[in-house]
C-alpha atoms as a PDB file:
ATOM      1  CA  MET A   1     -54.912   0.453   7.681  1.00  0.00           C
ATOM      2  CA  PRO A   2     -53.800   3.921   6.354  1.00  0.00           C
ATOM      3  CA  ARG A   3     -53.325   6.773   8.430  1.00  0.00           C
ATOM      4  CA  THR A   4     -55.914   9.900   8.104  1.00  0.00           C
ATOM      5  CA  ARG A   5     -54.769  13.052   8.787  1.00  0.00           C
ATOM      6  CA  VAL A   6     -57.381  15.648  10.262  1.00  0.00           C
ATOM      7  CA  LYS A   7     -56.620  19.126   9.020  1.00  0.00           C
ATOM      8  CA  GLU A   8     -57.008  21.872  11.765  1.00  0.00           C
ATOM      9  CA  LYS A   9     -58.253  24.982  10.716  1.00  0.00           C
ATOM     10  CA  PRO A  10     -55.852  28.027  10.911  1.00  0.00           C
ATOM     11  CA  GLN A  11     -56.680  30.390  13.570  1.00  0.00           C
ATOM     12  CA  GLN A  12     -57.685  33.906  12.557  1.00  0.00           C
ATOM     13  CA  ALA A  13     -56.924  37.139  14.268  1.00  0.00           C
ATOM     14  CA  PRO A  14     -59.476  38.667  15.926  1.00  0.00           C
ATOM     15  CA  LYS A  15     -61.732  41.494  13.759  1.00  0.00           C
ATOM     16  CA  GLY A  16     -59.927  44.670  13.896  1.00  0.00           C
ATOM     17  CA  THR A  17     -56.403  43.675  13.737  1.00  0.00           C
ATOM     18  CA  LYS A  18     -54.182  45.204  11.713  1.00  0.00           C
ATOM     19  CA  ILE A  19     -50.201  44.396  11.055  1.00  0.00           C
ATOM     20  CA  GLN A  20     -47.715  46.718   9.883  1.00  0.00           C
ATOM     21  CA  LEU A  21     -45.483  45.397   7.576  1.00  0.00           C
ATOM     22  CA  LYS A  22     -41.798  46.275   6.551  1.00  0.00           C
ATOM     23  CA  TRP A  23     -40.296  45.783   3.460  1.00  0.00           C
ATOM     24  CA  PHE A  24     -36.096  45.471   4.303  1.00  0.00           C
ATOM     25  CA  ARG A  25     -34.691  43.534   1.539  1.00  0.00           C
ATOM     26  CA  SER A  26     -34.392  44.497  -2.801  1.00  0.00           C
ATOM     27  CA  THR A  27     -35.993  42.471  -5.011  1.00  0.00           C
ATOM     28  CA  CYS A  28     -33.706  42.928  -7.964  1.00  0.00           C
ATOM     29  CA  GLN A  29     -32.342  38.813  -8.010  1.00  0.00           C
ATOM     30  CA  ALA A  30     -36.006  37.478  -6.598  1.00  0.00           C
ATOM     31  CA  PRO A  31     -38.054  35.562  -8.884  1.00  0.00           C
ATOM     32  CA  ILE A  32     -41.076  37.161 -10.412  1.00  0.00           C
ATOM     33  CA  LYS A  33     -43.696  35.352  -8.724  1.00  0.00           C
ATOM     34  CA  GLN A  34     -41.857  37.390  -5.008  1.00  0.00           C
ATOM     35  CA  LYS A  35     -42.029  40.717  -6.953  1.00  0.00           C
ATOM     36  CA  LEU A  36     -45.271  40.380  -7.252  1.00  0.00           C
ATOM     37  CA  VAL A  37     -46.363  39.581  -3.984  1.00  0.00           C
ATOM     38  CA  ILE A  38     -44.363  42.448  -2.733  1.00  0.00           C
ATOM     39  CA  LYS A  39     -46.623  44.817  -5.156  1.00  0.00           C
ATOM     40  CA  GLY A  40     -49.731  42.614  -3.849  1.00  0.00           C
ATOM     41  CA  LEU A  41     -48.329  43.712  -0.249  1.00  0.00           C
ATOM     42  CA  GLY A  42     -48.800  47.387  -1.533  1.00  0.00           C
ATOM     43  CA  PHE A  43     -45.247  47.932  -1.221  1.00  0.00           C
ATOM     44  CA  THR A  44     -43.615  50.466  -3.822  1.00  0.00           C
ATOM     45  CA  ARG A  45     -40.254  51.433  -2.133  1.00  0.00           C
ATOM     46  CA  LEU A  46     -37.746  50.251  -0.111  1.00  0.00           C
ATOM     47  CA  ASN A  47     -37.609  50.351   4.012  1.00  0.00           C
ATOM     48  CA  GLN A  48     -41.591  51.359   3.677  1.00  0.00           C
ATOM     49  CA  VAL A  49     -43.691  50.264   6.659  1.00  0.00           C
ATOM     50  CA  VAL A  50     -47.305  49.700   5.572  1.00  0.00           C
ATOM     51  CA  GLU A  51     -50.479  48.675   7.262  1.00  0.00           C
ATOM     52  CA  ARG A  52     -52.631  45.872   6.549  1.00  0.00           C
ATOM     53  CA  GLU A  53     -55.676  43.736   7.763  1.00  0.00           C
ATOM     54  CA  ASP A  54     -54.643  40.900   9.642  1.00  0.00           C
ATOM     55  CA  THR A  55     -55.971  37.872   7.609  1.00  0.00           C
ATOM     56  CA  LEU A  56     -54.779  34.403   6.438  1.00  0.00           C
ATOM     57  CA  SER A  57     -54.164  35.327   2.923  1.00  0.00           C
ATOM     58  CA  ILE A  58     -52.001  38.439   4.134  1.00  0.00           C
ATOM     59  CA  ARG A  59     -50.394  36.430   6.450  1.00  0.00           C
ATOM     60  CA  GLY A  60     -49.933  33.538   3.664  1.00  0.00           C
ATOM     61  CA  MET A  61     -48.308  36.536   1.306  1.00  0.00           C
ATOM     62  CA  VAL A  62     -46.016  37.112   4.098  1.00  0.00           C
ATOM     63  CA  ALA A  63     -44.927  33.558   4.643  1.00  0.00           C
ATOM     64  CA  LYS A  64     -43.980  33.786   0.951  1.00  0.00           C
ATOM     65  CA  VAL A  65     -40.903  36.405   1.080  1.00  0.00           C
ATOM     66  CA  PRO A  66     -40.065  36.187   4.761  1.00  0.00           C
ATOM     67  CA  HIS A  67     -36.666  37.179   3.352  1.00  0.00           C
ATOM     68  CA  LEU A  68     -37.744  40.634   2.125  1.00  0.00           C
ATOM     69  CA  VAL A  69     -40.465  41.451   4.585  1.00  0.00           C
ATOM     70  CA  GLN A  70     -41.015  41.376   8.105  1.00  0.00           C
ATOM     71  CA  ILE A  71     -43.650  42.249  10.857  1.00  0.00           C
ATOM     72  CA  VAL A  72     -42.767  45.146  12.728  1.00  0.00           C
ATOM     73  CA  GLY A  73     -46.019  45.313  15.176  1.00  0.00           C
ATOM     74  CA  GLU A  74     -49.330  44.694  15.372  1.00  0.00           C
ATOM     75  CA  LYS A  75     -52.296  46.603  16.487  1.00  0.00           C
ATOM     76  CA  LYS A  76     -55.922  45.748  17.824  1.00  0.00           C
ATOM     77  CA  TYR A  77     -58.239  47.909  16.690  1.00  0.00           C
ATOM     78  CA  ARG A  78     -62.056  48.007  18.755  1.00  0.00           C
ATOM     79  CA  ASP A  79     -64.991  48.250  15.711  1.00  0.00           C
ATOM     80  CA  GLN A  80     -65.989  51.837  15.157  1.00  0.00           C
ATOM     81  CA  LYS A  81     -69.756  51.823  14.963  1.00  0.00           C
END
């Protein structure tokens, strides 16, 4: 009988949560795809810190370049009405 795997749904951060990302390593010798990920995250210069929504897509982008980007901090914001 073949094994069946049940995919678990990835856990999302609560709404209003932001993460601070820092670009700390140069992309000079990195592949083009990794350079595009850095650009897609919004970085324009080295050692820059940007703040992005804590979503699965952003976390996935960070996971593709963990040797170039690090998560500096997380902030939780209340919903403003």
